[in-house]
Amino acid sequence: MAKVTTLHLQEMKRKKEKISMVTAYDYSQAVLVERAGIEAILVGDSLSMTMLGNPGTVNLTTDEMIHHIRPVVKGAPTPLVVGDMVFGSYNESIPQAVASANRLMKEGGCEAVKLEGGRPDVVKAIVEAGIPVQGHLGLTPQTASMLGGFKVQGKGFDAAKRILDEAKAIEDAGAFSIVVECVPETLGQAISEALAIPVIGIGAGRFCDGQVLVFHDMLGLFSQFLPKFVKQYAQIGDEIVGALGRFKNEVRDGGFPEEKHTFGGLSAEEIKKLG
């Protein structure tokens, strides 16, 4: 498969081809995503929880994000790699936002950045700096406390209209795509039909231009909570725990290592002469 670009994703929307996107946070995960042929990778701030054990996304720093983007870029040369702008890296001023986006691109090596919220002024400035931007509307985890917690957004008329208007403004500001999270299916469909750019849904229904899921959620690697919109395609976490348990038992009873896992060398008689 040829290298995926922002233009490639936009062409997929025009052809009505669905876009697949997943998160990845290190080299080994990225290699697997590459092998699967997924079109896009989000190095998401969810790594704050899945990889660093924080209670939420707010704790994550730009330095930590860059640290995780680098190996993903190395492990997945084909998908479009999008770096997530962390909380506090773009909400103070537009110059701060542009500087933070520059860091993700220059130091991390990603090909686009994603930022949460209806801030077309920030999107426009980053795009004018030569950096592709993916928007993120609906449930925005970095500011979930202002939205009443982690719950469905846009259920009422006024709230739905606000999100749709924000999506149009983000598109007008130059974003190449928008992630829409945790909204009613009818609103996800309306946004997808209203915009010329790809709308990637996560809990936004069946009619978005593509779907994104968190690597650890879809593979059963993160057990603290599971959103309703997640489909688990495997339970790798349970398999890993089982394998580790078998290893422990074999070490304890002498079943591992077997002779085939050892190396030959001096005979027992020759070893005796060493001492």
Protein backbone atom coordinates (compact mmCIF):
# COMPACT_ATOMS: atom_id res chain seq x y z
CA MET A 1 0.00 0.00 0.00
CA ALA A 2 1.26 3.48 -0.86
CA LYS A 3 1.97 6.03 1.86
CA VAL A 4 -1.29 7.42 3.23
CA THR A 5 -1.60 11.22 3.25
CA THR A 6 -4.29 13.70 4.25
CA LEU A 7 -5.24 13.99 0.58
CA HIS A 8 -5.55 10.21 0.39
CA LEU A 9 -8.09 10.22 3.23
CA GLN A 10 -10.06 13.01 1.59
CA GLU A 11 -10.11 11.05 -1.66
CA MET A 12 -11.41 8.03 0.24
CA LYS A 13 -14.35 10.12 1.44
CA ARG A 14 -15.08 11.29 -2.10
CA LYS A 15 -15.10 7.65 -3.23
CA LYS A 16 -17.25 6.69 -0.21
CA GLU A 17 -14.53 4.35 1.05
CA LYS A 18 -14.54 3.92 4.83
CA ILE A 19 -11.41 4.97 6.74
CA SER A 20 -9.92 2.87 9.54
CA MET A 21 -7.92 4.55 12.29
CA VAL A 22 -6.55 3.21 15.57
CA THR A 23 -4.34 4.51 18.34
CA ALA A 24 -0.80 3.26 18.82
CA TYR A 25 1.80 4.37 21.33
CA ASP A 26 5.04 2.48 20.70
CA TYR A 27 7.10 0.72 18.04
CA SER A 28 5.72 -2.79 18.51
CA GLN A 29 2.11 -1.62 18.37
CA ALA A 30 2.83 0.49 15.29
CA VAL A 31 4.40 -2.47 13.48
CA LEU A 32 1.23 -4.50 14.04
CA VAL A 33 -0.98 -1.66 12.79
CA GLU A 34 1.25 -1.34 9.72
CA ARG A 35 0.91 -5.06 9.00
CA ALA A 36 -2.89 -4.84 9.31
CA GLY A 37 -3.11 -2.15 6.62
CA ILE A 38 -4.90 0.44 8.77
CA GLU A 39 -4.97 3.83 7.02
CA ALA A 40 -4.26 6.14 9.96
CA ILE A 41 -2.74 6.05 13.44
CA LEU A 42 -3.54 8.47 16.22
CA VAL A 43 -0.85 8.73 18.87
CA GLY A 44 -3.58 9.72 21.27
CA ASP A 45 -3.37 11.34 24.67
CA SER A 46 -5.15 8.20 25.92
CA LEU A 47 -1.58 6.92 26.33
CA SER A 48 -1.63 8.90 29.57
CA MET A 49 -3.88 6.17 30.96
CA THR A 50 -3.06 3.09 28.89
CA MET A 51 0.73 3.46 28.91
CA LEU A 52 1.59 5.74 31.84
CA GLY A 53 -1.09 4.76 34.36
CA ASN A 54 -2.46 8.25 34.94
CA PRO A 55 -6.13 8.69 35.97
CA GLY A 56 -6.87 10.85 32.92
CA THR A 57 -5.38 12.68 29.96
CA VAL A 58 -4.71 16.04 31.64
CA ASN A 59 -1.42 14.90 33.21
CA LEU A 60 0.28 14.20 29.88
CA THR A 61 3.05 16.53 28.70
CA THR A 62 4.20 17.47 25.23
CA ASP A 63 7.60 15.89 25.94
CA GLU A 64 5.89 12.60 26.77
CA MET A 65 3.77 12.80 23.64
CA ILE A 66 6.82 13.38 21.47
CA HIS A 67 8.56 10.44 23.16
CA HIS A 68 5.72 8.15 22.02
CA ILE A 69 5.24 9.61 18.55
CA ARG A 70 8.84 8.88 17.54
CA PRO A 71 8.72 5.07 17.76
CA VAL A 72 5.27 4.95 16.16
CA VAL A 73 6.57 6.83 13.13
CA LYS A 74 9.46 4.34 12.89
CA GLY A 75 7.20 1.31 13.19
CA ALA A 76 4.46 2.38 10.79
CA PRO A 77 5.82 4.06 7.64
CA THR A 78 2.62 3.62 5.63
CA PRO A 79 -0.31 4.98 7.71
CA LEU A 80 -0.86 8.67 8.27
CA VAL A 81 0.45 9.33 11.79
CA VAL A 82 -1.42 12.02 13.77
CA GLY A 83 0.00 13.37 17.02
CA ASP A 84 -2.40 14.50 19.74
CA MET A 85 -1.88 17.96 21.19
CA VAL A 86 -1.99 17.57 24.98
CA PHE A 87 -3.97 19.59 27.49
CA GLY A 88 -2.27 22.90 28.24
CA SER A 89 -0.25 22.97 25.02
CA TYR A 90 -2.62 25.16 22.96
CA ASN A 91 -5.11 26.87 25.27
CA GLU A 92 -2.99 29.81 26.45
CA SER A 93 -2.45 31.59 23.13
CA ILE A 94 -2.24 31.06 19.41
CA PRO A 95 1.58 31.42 19.39
CA GLN A 96 1.74 28.72 22.07
CA ALA A 97 -0.51 26.46 19.96
CA VAL A 98 1.63 26.90 16.84
CA ALA A 99 4.82 26.29 18.82
CA SER A 100 3.40 23.10 20.33
CA ALA A 101 2.25 21.81 16.95
CA ASN A 102 5.68 22.58 15.51
CA ARG A 103 7.28 20.48 18.24
CA LEU A 104 5.09 17.46 17.52
CA MET A 105 5.94 17.64 13.83
CA LYS A 106 9.63 18.55 14.11
CA GLU A 107 10.66 16.52 17.16
CA GLY A 108 8.11 13.72 16.97
CA GLY A 109 7.99 13.26 13.22
CA CYS A 110 4.20 12.91 12.86
CA GLU A 111 2.48 14.14 9.71
CA ALA A 112 -0.47 15.94 11.30
CA VAL A 113 -1.75 17.03 14.70
CA LYS A 114 -5.13 16.71 16.41
CA LEU A 115 -6.62 19.13 18.89
CA GLU A 116 -9.85 19.14 20.86
CA GLY A 117 -12.62 21.69 20.87
CA GLY A 118 -14.31 24.25 18.66
CA ARG A 119 -11.38 26.61 18.21
CA PRO A 120 -11.28 27.55 14.51
CA ASP A 121 -8.89 30.44 15.25
CA VAL A 122 -6.31 28.01 16.61
CA VAL A 123 -6.88 25.54 13.78
CA LYS A 124 -6.47 28.30 11.19
CA ALA A 125 -3.19 29.52 12.71
CA ILE A 126 -1.67 26.04 12.85
CA VAL A 127 -2.75 25.27 9.29
CA GLU A 128 -1.29 28.59 8.10
CA ALA A 129 1.97 27.51 9.75
CA GLY A 130 2.02 24.57 7.33
CA ILE A 131 0.79 21.86 9.69
CA PRO A 132 -2.22 19.63 8.83
CA VAL A 133 -4.84 19.67 11.60
CA GLN A 134 -7.49 17.17 12.59
CA GLY A 135 -10.28 18.57 14.76
CA HIS A 136 -12.05 16.76 17.62
CA LEU A 137 -15.62 17.58 18.65
CA GLY A 138 -18.41 16.09 20.72
CA LEU A 139 -17.04 14.50 23.87
CA THR A 140 -13.60 16.04 24.36
CA PRO A 141 -11.87 14.09 27.16
CA GLN A 142 -9.41 16.85 28.06
CA THR A 143 -12.30 19.10 29.09
CA ALA A 144 -14.84 16.43 30.04
CA SER A 145 -15.41 18.05 33.44
CA MET A 146 -16.86 21.10 31.68
CA LEU A 147 -19.20 18.85 29.70
CA GLY A 148 -20.64 17.15 32.75
CA GLY A 149 -18.36 14.14 32.60
CA PHE A 150 -17.90 11.35 30.09
CA LYS A 151 -21.35 11.22 28.56
CA VAL A 152 -23.05 11.55 25.20
CA GLN A 153 -22.96 15.06 23.74
CA GLY A 154 -25.36 16.77 21.33
CA LYS A 155 -28.55 14.98 22.39
CA GLY A 156 -30.73 18.11 22.40
CA PHE A 157 -31.42 20.41 19.45
CA ASP A 158 -29.33 23.35 20.66
CA ALA A 159 -26.38 21.17 21.63
CA ALA A 160 -26.50 19.30 18.32
CA LYS A 161 -26.64 22.55 16.34
CA ARG A 162 -23.66 23.91 18.27
CA ILE A 163 -21.55 20.85 17.47
CA LEU A 164 -22.58 20.91 13.80
CA ASP A 165 -21.78 24.63 13.56
CA GLU A 166 -18.40 24.02 15.23
CA ALA A 167 -17.65 21.26 12.75
CA LYS A 168 -18.36 23.56 9.82
CA ALA A 169 -16.18 26.28 11.35
CA ILE A 170 -13.32 23.83 11.90
CA GLU A 171 -13.59 22.74 8.27
CA ASP A 172 -13.63 26.37 7.10
CA ALA A 173 -10.51 27.01 9.19
CA GLY A 174 -8.62 24.44 7.10
CA ALA A 175 -8.78 21.16 9.03
CA PHE A 176 -8.28 18.11 6.82
CA SER A 177 -10.50 15.89 9.00
CA ILE A 178 -12.53 15.86 12.22
CA VAL A 179 -12.93 13.23 14.92
CA VAL A 180 -16.44 13.24 16.40
CA GLU A 181 -16.77 11.41 19.70
CA CYS A 182 -19.75 10.09 21.62
CA VAL A 183 -22.70 11.77 19.91
CA PRO A 184 -26.05 10.36 18.72
CA GLU A 185 -25.84 8.44 15.45
CA THR A 186 -28.13 10.88 13.67
CA LEU A 187 -25.82 13.78 14.55
CA GLY A 188 -22.74 11.85 13.44
CA GLN A 189 -24.45 11.23 10.11
CA ALA A 190 -25.51 14.87 9.75
CA ILE A 191 -21.97 16.12 10.37
CA SER A 192 -20.51 13.61 7.89
CA GLU A 193 -22.99 14.65 5.22
CA ALA A 194 -22.52 18.38 5.86
CA LEU A 195 -18.71 18.36 5.60
CA ALA A 196 -16.50 17.76 2.58
CA ILE A 197 -13.65 16.55 4.79
CA PRO A 198 -13.59 13.09 6.42
CA VAL A 199 -15.44 12.69 9.71
CA ILE A 200 -13.95 9.91 11.83
CA GLY A 201 -16.36 8.61 14.43
CA ILE A 202 -15.74 7.13 17.84
CA GLY A 203 -19.10 6.41 19.33
CA ALA A 204 -20.73 8.56 16.64
CA GLY A 205 -22.63 5.86 14.78
CA ARG A 206 -22.45 3.86 11.59
CA PHE A 207 -22.62 6.65 9.04
CA CYS A 208 -19.35 8.52 9.62
CA ASP A 209 -16.66 8.42 6.96
CA GLY A 210 -14.45 6.27 9.16
CA GLN A 211 -13.99 4.86 12.64
CA VAL A 212 -11.26 5.10 15.28
CA LEU A 213 -10.77 2.93 18.36
CA VAL A 214 -8.19 2.81 21.12
CA PHE A 215 -5.71 -0.05 20.60
CA HIS A 216 -5.93 -1.24 24.21
CA ASP A 217 -9.73 -1.10 24.31
CA MET A 218 -10.37 -3.10 21.16
CA LEU A 219 -7.83 -5.80 22.10
CA GLY A 220 -8.75 -6.23 25.76
CA LEU A 221 -5.53 -4.75 27.11
CA PHE A 222 -7.10 -2.11 29.35
CA SER A 223 -9.59 -3.34 31.93
CA GLN A 224 -10.33 -0.25 34.05
CA PHE A 225 -13.40 0.66 31.97
CA LEU A 226 -14.89 -0.10 28.55
CA PRO A 227 -16.98 2.53 26.73
CA LYS A 228 -20.24 1.35 25.18
CA PHE A 229 -19.02 2.22 21.69
CA VAL A 230 -16.04 -0.15 21.86
CA LYS A 231 -16.13 -3.54 20.16
CA GLN A 232 -13.49 -5.89 21.52
CA TYR A 233 -11.95 -7.83 18.66
CA ALA A 234 -9.73 -9.90 20.97
CA GLN A 235 -9.04 -10.54 24.64
CA ILE A 236 -5.26 -10.42 24.44
CA GLY A 237 -4.93 -9.23 28.02
CA ASP A 238 -6.38 -12.50 29.33
CA GLU A 239 -4.12 -14.49 27.00
CA ILE A 240 -1.06 -12.61 28.26
CA VAL A 241 -2.00 -13.19 31.89
CA GLY A 242 -2.48 -16.88 31.15
CA ALA A 243 0.89 -17.15 29.42
CA LEU A 244 2.66 -15.39 32.29
CA GLY A 245 1.00 -17.70 34.76
CA ARG A 246 2.14 -20.78 32.83
CA PHE A 247 5.67 -19.38 32.76
CA LYS A 248 5.62 -18.87 36.52
CA ASN A 249 4.41 -22.42 37.12
CA GLU A 250 6.99 -23.98 34.79
CA VAL A 251 9.82 -22.04 36.42
CA ARG A 252 8.61 -23.20 39.83
CA ASP A 253 8.30 -26.90 38.90
CA GLY A 254 11.35 -27.03 36.65
CA GLY A 255 9.47 -27.35 33.38
CA PHE A 256 11.30 -24.33 31.97
CA PRO A 257 13.87 -24.15 30.58
CA GLU A 258 13.90 -27.47 28.73
CA GLU A 259 17.11 -28.85 27.28
CA LYS A 260 16.27 -27.42 23.84
CA HIS A 261 16.42 -23.92 25.35
CA THR A 262 19.99 -24.39 26.63
CA PHE A 263 23.44 -24.10 25.02
CA GLY A 264 26.15 -26.74 24.75
CA GLY A 265 29.76 -26.25 25.75
CA LEU A 266 32.35 -28.02 27.88
CA SER A 267 31.60 -31.51 29.16
CA ALA A 268 30.95 -32.14 32.84
CA GLU A 269 34.42 -33.61 33.19
CA GLU A 270 36.00 -30.55 31.60
CA ILE A 271 33.95 -28.25 33.81
CA LYS A 272 35.35 -30.02 36.88
CA LYS A 273 38.87 -29.18 35.73
CA LEU A 274 38.03 -25.49 35.73
CA GLY A 275 37.85 -25.39 39.48
